[in-house]
Amino acid sequence: MSDKAVKIIESVLKTIIEQRKRDISKMMLYVYPGSPLLEEGYVKTKYGVLVVTENPWATKGTAYIREETSKGSAFAWVSRRQVTK
């Protein structure tokens, strides 16, 4: 995995973990089918290991982090395609 991709993921995690006090062990990175990130199944970050899973309805270039707990949920886009008009 490229250092650039890890830095992007860590920048998103920073808000969720440091400011919103969420736990990375309860989060998953959802990516589009066929994403290269699925090969390893996880991403090592400075906050810990983030599990990668496939969202069969996601379009190419889409990735997001989601956490669900009994206290509520957290959601953040990592990347998404821009809709052209």
PDB file of N, CA and C in Angstrom:
ATOM      1  N   MET A   1       0.846  -1.174   0.000  1.00  0.00           N
ATOM      2  CA  MET A   1       0.000   0.000   0.000  1.00  0.00           C
ATOM      3  C   MET A   1       0.890   1.235   0.000  1.00  0.00           C
ATOM      4  N   SER A   2       0.479   2.229  -0.731  1.00  0.00           N
ATOM      5  CA  SER A   2       1.292   3.438  -0.845  1.00  0.00           C
ATOM      6  C   SER A   2       1.211   4.274   0.427  1.00  0.00           C
ATOM      7  N   ASP A   3       2.287   4.993   0.674  1.00  0.00           N
ATOM      8  CA  ASP A   3       2.322   5.890   1.836  1.00  0.00           C
ATOM      9  C   ASP A   3       1.261   6.976   1.715  1.00  0.00           C
ATOM     10  N   LYS A   4       1.000   7.412   0.481  1.00  0.00           N
ATOM     11  CA  LYS A   4       0.000   8.455   0.255  1.00  0.00           C
ATOM     12  C   LYS A   4      -1.386   7.978   0.693  1.00  0.00           C
ATOM     13  N   ALA A   5      -1.731   6.739   0.349  1.00  0.00           N
ATOM     14  CA  ALA A   5      -3.039   6.193   0.739  1.00  0.00           C
ATOM     15  C   ALA A   5      -3.153   6.099   2.260  1.00  0.00           C
ATOM     16  N   VAL A   6      -2.102   5.649   2.911  1.00  0.00           N
ATOM     17  CA  VAL A   6      -2.128   5.535   4.378  1.00  0.00           C
ATOM     18  C   VAL A   6      -2.286   6.916   5.009  1.00  0.00           C
ATOM     19  N   LYS A   7      -1.603   7.912   4.476  1.00  0.00           N
ATOM     20  CA  LYS A   7      -1.712   9.272   5.024  1.00  0.00           C
ATOM     21  C   LYS A   7      -3.128   9.827   4.868  1.00  0.00           C
ATOM     22  N   ILE A   8      -3.774   9.541   3.746  1.00  0.00           N
ATOM     23  CA  ILE A   8      -5.155   9.995   3.546  1.00  0.00           C
ATOM     24  C   ILE A   8      -6.074   9.333   4.560  1.00  0.00           C
ATOM     25  N   ILE A   9      -5.913   8.022   4.728  1.00  0.00           N
ATOM     26  CA  ILE A   9      -6.739   7.287   5.696  1.00  0.00           C
ATOM     27  C   ILE A   9      -6.489   7.800   7.109  1.00  0.00           C
ATOM     28  N   GLU A  10      -5.232   8.034   7.462  1.00  0.00           N
ATOM     29  CA  GLU A  10      -4.905   8.544   8.795  1.00  0.00           C
ATOM     30  C   GLU A  10      -5.467   9.939   9.034  1.00  0.00           C
ATOM     31  N   SER A  11      -5.521  10.766   8.002  1.00  0.00           N
ATOM     32  CA  SER A  11      -6.075  12.116   8.181  1.00  0.00           C
ATOM     33  C   SER A  11      -7.571  12.049   8.500  1.00  0.00           C
ATOM     34  N   VAL A  12      -8.265  11.085   7.899  1.00  0.00           N
ATOM     35  CA  VAL A  12      -9.687  10.896   8.196  1.00  0.00           C
ATOM     36  C   VAL A  12      -9.847  10.315   9.600  1.00  0.00           C
ATOM     37  N   LEU A  13      -9.003   9.344   9.940  1.00  0.00           N
ATOM     38  CA  LEU A  13      -9.068   8.725  11.262  1.00  0.00           C
ATOM     39  C   LEU A  13      -8.772   9.722  12.379  1.00  0.00           C
ATOM     40  N   LYS A  14      -7.901  10.685  12.110  1.00  0.00           N
ATOM     41  CA  LYS A  14      -7.531  11.670  13.131  1.00  0.00           C
ATOM     42  C   LYS A  14      -8.762  12.360  13.696  1.00  0.00           C
ATOM     43  N   THR A  15      -9.651  12.788  12.834  1.00  0.00           N
ATOM     44  CA  THR A  15     -10.874  13.456  13.281  1.00  0.00           C
ATOM     45  C   THR A  15     -11.742  12.509  14.098  1.00  0.00           C
ATOM     46  N   ILE A  16     -11.900  11.292  13.612  1.00  0.00           N
ATOM     47  CA  ILE A  16     -12.783  10.332  14.280  1.00  0.00           C
ATOM     48  C   ILE A  16     -12.213   9.898  15.630  1.00  0.00           C
ATOM     49  N   ILE A  17     -10.925   9.604  15.672  1.00  0.00           N
ATOM     50  CA  ILE A  17     -10.322   9.045  16.877  1.00  0.00           C
ATOM     51  C   ILE A  17      -9.925  10.120  17.883  1.00  0.00           C
ATOM     52  N   GLU A  18      -9.235  11.156  17.441  1.00  0.00           N
ATOM     53  CA  GLU A  18      -8.738  12.163  18.378  1.00  0.00           C
ATOM     54  C   GLU A  18      -9.823  13.128  18.843  1.00  0.00           C
ATOM     55  N   GLN A  19     -10.669  13.571  17.940  1.00  0.00           N
ATOM     56  CA  GLN A  19     -11.668  14.569  18.313  1.00  0.00           C
ATOM     57  C   GLN A  19     -12.968  13.950  18.808  1.00  0.00           C
ATOM     58  N   ARG A  20     -13.373  12.848  18.179  1.00  0.00           N
ATOM     59  CA  ARG A  20     -14.654  12.239  18.551  1.00  0.00           C
ATOM     60  C   ARG A  20     -14.492  11.056  19.493  1.00  0.00           C
ATOM     61  N   LYS A  21     -13.222  10.739  19.838  1.00  0.00           N
ATOM     62  CA  LYS A  21     -12.899   9.693  20.824  1.00  0.00           C
ATOM     63  C   LYS A  21     -13.494   8.337  20.471  1.00  0.00           C
ATOM     64  N   ARG A  22     -13.331   7.910  19.223  1.00  0.00           N
ATOM     65  CA  ARG A  22     -13.840   6.619  18.766  1.00  0.00           C
ATOM     66  C   ARG A  22     -12.717   5.575  18.775  1.00  0.00           C
ATOM     67  N   ASP A  23     -13.100   4.294  18.728  1.00  0.00           N
ATOM     68  CA  ASP A  23     -12.182   3.171  18.823  1.00  0.00           C
ATOM     69  C   ASP A  23     -11.978   2.524  17.455  1.00  0.00           C
ATOM     70  N   ILE A  24     -10.733   2.489  16.972  1.00  0.00           N
ATOM     71  CA  ILE A  24     -10.446   1.941  15.646  1.00  0.00           C
ATOM     72  C   ILE A  24     -10.810   0.461  15.544  1.00  0.00           C
ATOM     73  N   SER A  25     -10.787  -0.254  16.657  1.00  0.00           N
ATOM     74  CA  SER A  25     -11.090  -1.690  16.597  1.00  0.00           C
ATOM     75  C   SER A  25     -12.549  -1.967  16.242  1.00  0.00           C
ATOM     76  N   LYS A  26     -13.384  -0.935  16.317  1.00  0.00           N
ATOM     77  CA  LYS A  26     -14.799  -1.082  15.975  1.00  0.00           C
ATOM     78  C   LYS A  26     -15.132  -0.479  14.611  1.00  0.00           C
ATOM     79  N   MET A  27     -14.090  -0.085  13.875  1.00  0.00           N
ATOM     80  CA  MET A  27     -14.285   0.554  12.568  1.00  0.00           C
ATOM     81  C   MET A  27     -13.899  -0.389  11.437  1.00  0.00           C
ATOM     82  N   MET A  28     -14.470  -0.109  10.275  1.00  0.00           N
ATOM     83  CA  MET A  28     -14.111  -0.832   9.054  1.00  0.00           C
ATOM     84  C   MET A  28     -13.979   0.176   7.921  1.00  0.00           C
ATOM     85  N   LEU A  29     -13.055  -0.114   7.023  1.00  0.00           N
ATOM     86  CA  LEU A  29     -12.891   0.673   5.813  1.00  0.00           C
ATOM     87  C   LEU A  29     -13.613  -0.071   4.697  1.00  0.00           C
ATOM     88  N   TYR A  30     -14.649   0.532   4.146  1.00  0.00           N
ATOM     89  CA  TYR A  30     -15.431  -0.066   3.068  1.00  0.00           C
ATOM     90  C   TYR A  30     -14.928   0.470   1.734  1.00  0.00           C
ATOM     91  N   VAL A  31     -14.664  -0.445   0.801  1.00  0.00           N
ATOM     92  CA  VAL A  31     -14.142  -0.068  -0.514  1.00  0.00           C
ATOM     93  C   VAL A  31     -14.963  -0.736  -1.610  1.00  0.00           C
ATOM     94  N   TYR A  32     -14.766  -0.306  -2.830  1.00  0.00           N
ATOM     95  CA  TYR A  32     -15.487  -0.856  -3.978  1.00  0.00           C
ATOM     96  C   TYR A  32     -14.956  -2.252  -4.326  1.00  0.00           C
ATOM     97  N   PRO A  33     -15.770  -3.078  -4.952  1.00  0.00           N
ATOM     98  CA  PRO A  33     -15.324  -4.413  -5.362  1.00  0.00           C
ATOM     99  C   PRO A  33     -14.120  -4.310  -6.311  1.00  0.00           C
ATOM    100  N   GLY A  34     -13.117  -5.121  -6.071  1.00  0.00           N
ATOM    101  CA  GLY A  34     -11.926  -5.102  -6.914  1.00  0.00           C
ATOM    102  C   GLY A  34     -10.866  -4.114  -6.475  1.00  0.00           C
ATOM    103  N   SER A  35     -11.100  -3.416  -5.380  1.00  0.00           N
ATOM    104  CA  SER A  35     -10.108  -2.459  -4.883  1.00  0.00           C
ATOM    105  C   SER A  35      -8.828  -3.184  -4.483  1.00  0.00           C
ATOM    106  N   PRO A  36      -7.670  -2.603  -4.792  1.00  0.00           N
ATOM    107  CA  PRO A  36      -6.404  -3.216  -4.385  1.00  0.00           C
ATOM    108  C   PRO A  36      -6.266  -3.342  -2.863  1.00  0.00           C
ATOM    109  N   LEU A  37      -6.989  -2.527  -2.115  1.00  0.00           N
ATOM    110  CA  LEU A  37      -6.920  -2.589  -0.655  1.00  0.00           C
ATOM    111  C   LEU A  37      -7.476  -3.896  -0.101  1.00  0.00           C
ATOM    112  N   LEU A  38      -8.324  -4.561  -0.873  1.00  0.00           N
ATOM    113  CA  LEU A  38      -8.919  -5.820  -0.425  1.00  0.00           C
ATOM    114  C   LEU A  38      -7.916  -6.970  -0.384  1.00  0.00           C
ATOM    115  N   GLU A  39      -6.821  -6.852  -1.127  1.00  0.00           N
ATOM    116  CA  GLU A  39      -5.836  -7.932  -1.200  1.00  0.00           C
ATOM    117  C   GLU A  39      -5.265  -8.276   0.169  1.00  0.00           C
ATOM    118  N   GLU A  40      -4.907  -7.270   0.951  1.00  0.00           N
ATOM    119  CA  GLU A  40      -4.363  -7.523   2.285  1.00  0.00           C
ATOM    120  C   GLU A  40      -5.467  -7.680   3.318  1.00  0.00           C
ATOM    121  N   GLY A  41      -6.557  -6.960   3.152  1.00  0.00           N
ATOM    122  CA  GLY A  41      -7.672  -7.066   4.089  1.00  0.00           C
ATOM    123  C   GLY A  41      -7.572  -6.172   5.303  1.00  0.00           C
ATOM    124  N   TYR A  42      -6.495  -5.408   5.406  1.00  0.00           N
ATOM    125  CA  TYR A  42      -6.332  -4.484   6.522  1.00  0.00           C
ATOM    126  C   TYR A  42      -5.340  -3.391   6.132  1.00  0.00           C
ATOM    127  N   VAL A  43      -5.371  -2.304   6.907  1.00  0.00           N
ATOM    128  CA  VAL A  43      -4.436  -1.201   6.719  1.00  0.00           C
ATOM    129  C   VAL A  43      -3.820  -0.901   8.078  1.00  0.00           C
ATOM    130  N   LYS A  44      -2.496  -0.910   8.153  1.00  0.00           N
ATOM    131  CA  LYS A  44      -1.806  -0.542   9.394  1.00  0.00           C
ATOM    132  C   LYS A  44      -1.664   0.971   9.424  1.00  0.00           C
ATOM    133  N   THR A  45      -2.195   1.589  10.467  1.00  0.00           N
ATOM    134  CA  THR A  45      -2.109   3.040  10.632  1.00  0.00           C
ATOM    135  C   THR A  45      -1.456   3.352  11.969  1.00  0.00           C
ATOM    136  N   LYS A  46      -1.159   4.615  12.200  1.00  0.00           N
ATOM    137  CA  LYS A  46      -0.577   4.996  13.481  1.00  0.00           C
ATOM    138  C   LYS A  46      -1.580   4.861  14.623  1.00  0.00           C
ATOM    139  N   TYR A  47      -2.851   4.692  14.282  1.00  0.00           N
ATOM    140  CA  TYR A  47      -3.904   4.521  15.287  1.00  0.00           C
ATOM    141  C   TYR A  47      -4.221   3.053  15.560  1.00  0.00           C
ATOM    142  N   GLY A  48      -3.630   2.159  14.768  1.00  0.00           N
ATOM    143  CA  GLY A  48      -3.892   0.733  14.899  1.00  0.00           C
ATOM    144  C   GLY A  48      -4.265   0.142  13.544  1.00  0.00           C
ATOM    145  N   VAL A  49      -4.778  -1.071  13.578  1.00  0.00           N
ATOM    146  CA  VAL A  49      -5.124  -1.781  12.341  1.00  0.00           C
ATOM    147  C   VAL A  49      -6.588  -1.519  11.986  1.00  0.00           C
ATOM    148  N   LEU A  50      -6.815  -1.154  10.740  1.00  0.00           N
ATOM    149  CA  LEU A  50      -8.151  -0.891  10.230  1.00  0.00           C
ATOM    150  C   LEU A  50      -8.508  -2.000   9.246  1.00  0.00           C
ATOM    151  N   VAL A  51      -9.577  -2.719   9.530  1.00  0.00           N
ATOM    152  CA  VAL A  51     -10.011  -3.824   8.679  1.00  0.00           C
ATOM    153  C   VAL A  51     -10.659  -3.267   7.411  1.00  0.00           C
ATOM    154  N   VAL A  52     -10.332  -3.882   6.273  1.00  0.00           N
ATOM    155  CA  VAL A  52     -10.880  -3.467   4.977  1.00  0.00           C
ATOM    156  C   VAL A  52     -11.904  -4.505   4.530  1.00  0.00           C
ATOM    157  N   THR A  53     -13.057  -4.039   4.107  1.00  0.00           N
ATOM    158  CA  THR A  53     -14.087  -4.936   3.600  1.00  0.00           C
ATOM    159  C   THR A  53     -14.723  -4.338   2.349  1.00  0.00           C
ATOM    160  N   GLU A  54     -15.388  -5.174   1.600  1.00  0.00           N
ATOM    161  CA  GLU A  54     -15.983  -4.760   0.329  1.00  0.00           C
ATOM    162  C   GLU A  54     -17.428  -4.325   0.518  1.00  0.00           C
ATOM    163  N   ASN A  55     -17.794  -3.246  -0.164  1.00  0.00           N
ATOM    164  CA  ASN A  55     -19.190  -2.857  -0.267  1.00  0.00           C
ATOM    165  C   ASN A  55     -19.586  -3.118  -1.719  1.00  0.00           C
ATOM    166  N   PRO A  56     -20.402  -4.146  -1.968  1.00  0.00           N
ATOM    167  CA  PRO A  56     -20.725  -4.509  -3.349  1.00  0.00           C
ATOM    168  C   PRO A  56     -21.475  -3.426  -4.128  1.00  0.00           C
ATOM    169  N   TRP A  57     -22.035  -2.460  -3.435  1.00  0.00           N
ATOM    170  CA  TRP A  57     -22.785  -1.389  -4.110  1.00  0.00           C
ATOM    171  C   TRP A  57     -21.957  -0.130  -4.333  1.00  0.00           C
ATOM    172  N   ALA A  58     -20.729  -0.115  -3.833  1.00  0.00           N
ATOM    173  CA  ALA A  58     -19.869   1.059  -3.989  1.00  0.00           C
ATOM    174  C   ALA A  58     -19.299   1.104  -5.400  1.00  0.00           C
ATOM    175  N   THR A  59     -19.148   2.307  -5.912  1.00  0.00           N
ATOM    176  CA  THR A  59     -18.569   2.489  -7.243  1.00  0.00           C
ATOM    177  C   THR A  59     -17.056   2.638  -7.142  1.00  0.00           C
ATOM    178  N   LYS A  60     -16.373   2.413  -8.241  1.00  0.00           N
ATOM    179  CA  LYS A  60     -14.918   2.500  -8.263  1.00  0.00           C
ATOM    180  C   LYS A  60     -14.474   3.884  -7.790  1.00  0.00           C
ATOM    181  N   GLY A  61     -13.478   3.896  -6.928  1.00  0.00           N
ATOM    182  CA  GLY A  61     -12.969   5.152  -6.394  1.00  0.00           C
ATOM    183  C   GLY A  61     -13.622   5.565  -5.095  1.00  0.00           C
ATOM    184  N   THR A  62     -14.550   4.760  -4.603  1.00  0.00           N
ATOM    185  CA  THR A  62     -15.268   5.092  -3.376  1.00  0.00           C
ATOM    186  C   THR A  62     -14.686   4.322  -2.197  1.00  0.00           C
ATOM    187  N   ALA A  63     -14.459   5.018  -1.093  1.00  0.00           N
ATOM    188  CA  ALA A  63     -14.006   4.385   0.143  1.00  0.00           C
ATOM    189  C   ALA A  63     -14.503   5.216   1.315  1.00  0.00           C
ATOM    190  N   TYR A  64     -14.953   4.541   2.354  1.00  0.00           N
ATOM    191  CA  TYR A  64     -15.404   5.244   3.554  1.00  0.00           C
ATOM    192  C   TYR A  64     -15.161   4.391   4.786  1.00  0.00           C
ATOM    193  N   ILE A  65     -15.093   5.073   5.920  1.00  0.00           N
ATOM    194  CA  ILE A  65     -14.895   4.414   7.204  1.00  0.00           C
ATOM    195  C   ILE A  65     -16.193   4.500   7.982  1.00  0.00           C
ATOM    196  N   ARG A  66     -16.560   3.383   8.595  1.00  0.00           N
ATOM    197  CA  ARG A  66     -17.794   3.357   9.372  1.00  0.00           C
ATOM    198  C   ARG A  66     -17.571   2.593  10.662  1.00  0.00           C
ATOM    199  N   GLU A  67     -18.160   3.099  11.722  1.00  0.00           N
ATOM    200  CA  GLU A  67     -18.120   2.444  13.022  1.00  0.00           C
ATOM    201  C   GLU A  67     -19.542   2.406  13.555  1.00  0.00           C
ATOM    202  N   GLU A  68     -19.919   1.269  14.081  1.00  0.00           N
ATOM    203  CA  GLU A  68     -21.223   1.165  14.722  1.00  0.00           C
ATOM    204  C   GLU A  68     -21.030   0.622  16.124  1.00  0.00           C
ATOM    205  N   THR A  69     -21.582   1.328  17.088  1.00  0.00           N
ATOM    206  CA  THR A  69     -21.524   0.898  18.480  1.00  0.00           C
ATOM    207  C   THR A  69     -22.885   1.141  19.104  1.00  0.00           C
ATOM    208  N   SER A  70     -23.011   0.720  20.331  1.00  0.00           N
ATOM    209  CA  SER A  70     -24.264   0.967  21.034  1.00  0.00           C
ATOM    210  C   SER A  70     -24.453   2.449  21.348  1.00  0.00           C
ATOM    211  N   LYS A  71     -23.345   3.220  21.298  1.00  0.00           N
ATOM    212  CA  LYS A  71     -23.426   4.661  21.553  1.00  0.00           C
ATOM    213  C   LYS A  71     -23.785   5.461  20.304  1.00  0.00           C
ATOM    214  N   GLY A  72     -23.925   4.789  19.187  1.00  0.00           N
ATOM    215  CA  GLY A  72     -24.186   5.491  17.934  1.00  0.00           C
ATOM    216  C   GLY A  72     -23.179   5.050  16.901  1.00  0.00           C
ATOM    217  N   SER A  73     -23.076   5.805  15.833  1.00  0.00           N
ATOM    218  CA  SER A  73     -22.151   5.410  14.785  1.00  0.00           C
ATOM    219  C   SER A  73     -21.311   6.594  14.333  1.00  0.00           C
ATOM    220  N   ALA A  74     -20.203   6.264  13.678  1.00  0.00           N
ATOM    221  CA  ALA A  74     -19.342   7.284  13.083  1.00  0.00           C
ATOM    222  C   ALA A  74     -19.203   6.945  11.611  1.00  0.00           C
ATOM    223  N   PHE A  75     -19.122   7.978  10.772  1.00  0.00           N
ATOM    224  CA  PHE A  75     -19.005   7.795   9.332  1.00  0.00           C
ATOM    225  C   PHE A  75     -18.112   8.894   8.785  1.00  0.00           C
ATOM    226  N   ALA A  76     -17.228   8.534   7.854  1.00  0.00           N
ATOM    227  CA  ALA A  76     -16.389   9.538   7.194  1.00  0.00           C
ATOM    228  C   ALA A  76     -15.977   9.041   5.820  1.00  0.00           C
ATOM    229  N   TRP A  77     -16.059   9.905   4.827  1.00  0.00           N
ATOM    230  CA  TRP A  77     -15.577   9.567   3.493  1.00  0.00           C
ATOM    231  C   TRP A  77     -14.063   9.593   3.493  1.00  0.00           C
ATOM    232  N   VAL A  78     -13.446   8.632   2.833  1.00  0.00           N
ATOM    233  CA  VAL A  78     -12.023   8.655   2.565  1.00  0.00           C
ATOM    234  C   VAL A  78     -11.815   9.164   1.157  1.00  0.00           C
ATOM    235  N   SER A  79     -12.597   8.630   0.221  1.00  0.00           N
ATOM    236  CA  SER A  79     -12.607   9.137  -1.148  1.00  0.00           C
ATOM    237  C   SER A  79     -13.966   8.836  -1.757  1.00  0.00           C
ATOM    238  N   ARG A  80     -14.374   9.679  -2.652  1.00  0.00           N
ATOM    239  CA  ARG A  80     -15.622   9.442  -3.363  1.00  0.00           C
ATOM    240  C   ARG A  80     -15.567  10.130  -4.704  1.00  0.00           C
ATOM    241  N   ARG A  81     -16.279   9.566  -5.622  1.00  0.00           N
ATOM    242  CA  ARG A  81     -16.315  10.113  -6.966  1.00  0.00           C
ATOM    243  C   ARG A  81     -17.181  11.364  -6.995  1.00  0.00           C
ATOM    244  N   GLN A  82     -16.767  12.321  -7.761  1.00  0.00           N
ATOM    245  CA  GLN A  82     -17.559  13.533  -7.929  1.00  0.00           C
ATOM    246  C   GLN A  82     -18.633  13.291  -8.975  1.00  0.00           C
ATOM    247  N   VAL A  83     -19.823  13.738  -8.702  1.00  0.00           N
ATOM    248  CA  VAL A  83     -20.918  13.602  -9.666  1.00  0.00           C
ATOM    249  C   VAL A  83     -20.809  14.758 -10.649  1.00  0.00           C
ATOM    250  N   THR A  84     -20.755  14.431 -11.928  1.00  0.00           N
ATOM    251  CA  THR A  84     -20.683  15.472 -12.951  1.00  0.00           C
ATOM    252  C   THR A  84     -22.061  15.799 -13.456  1.00  0.00           C
ATOM    253  N   LYS A  85     -22.288  17.050 -13.714  1.00  0.00           N
ATOM    254  CA  LYS A  85     -23.609  17.494 -14.184  1.00  0.00           C
ATOM    255  C   LYS A  85     -23.549  17.926 -15.614  1.00  0.00           C
TER     256      LYS A  85
END
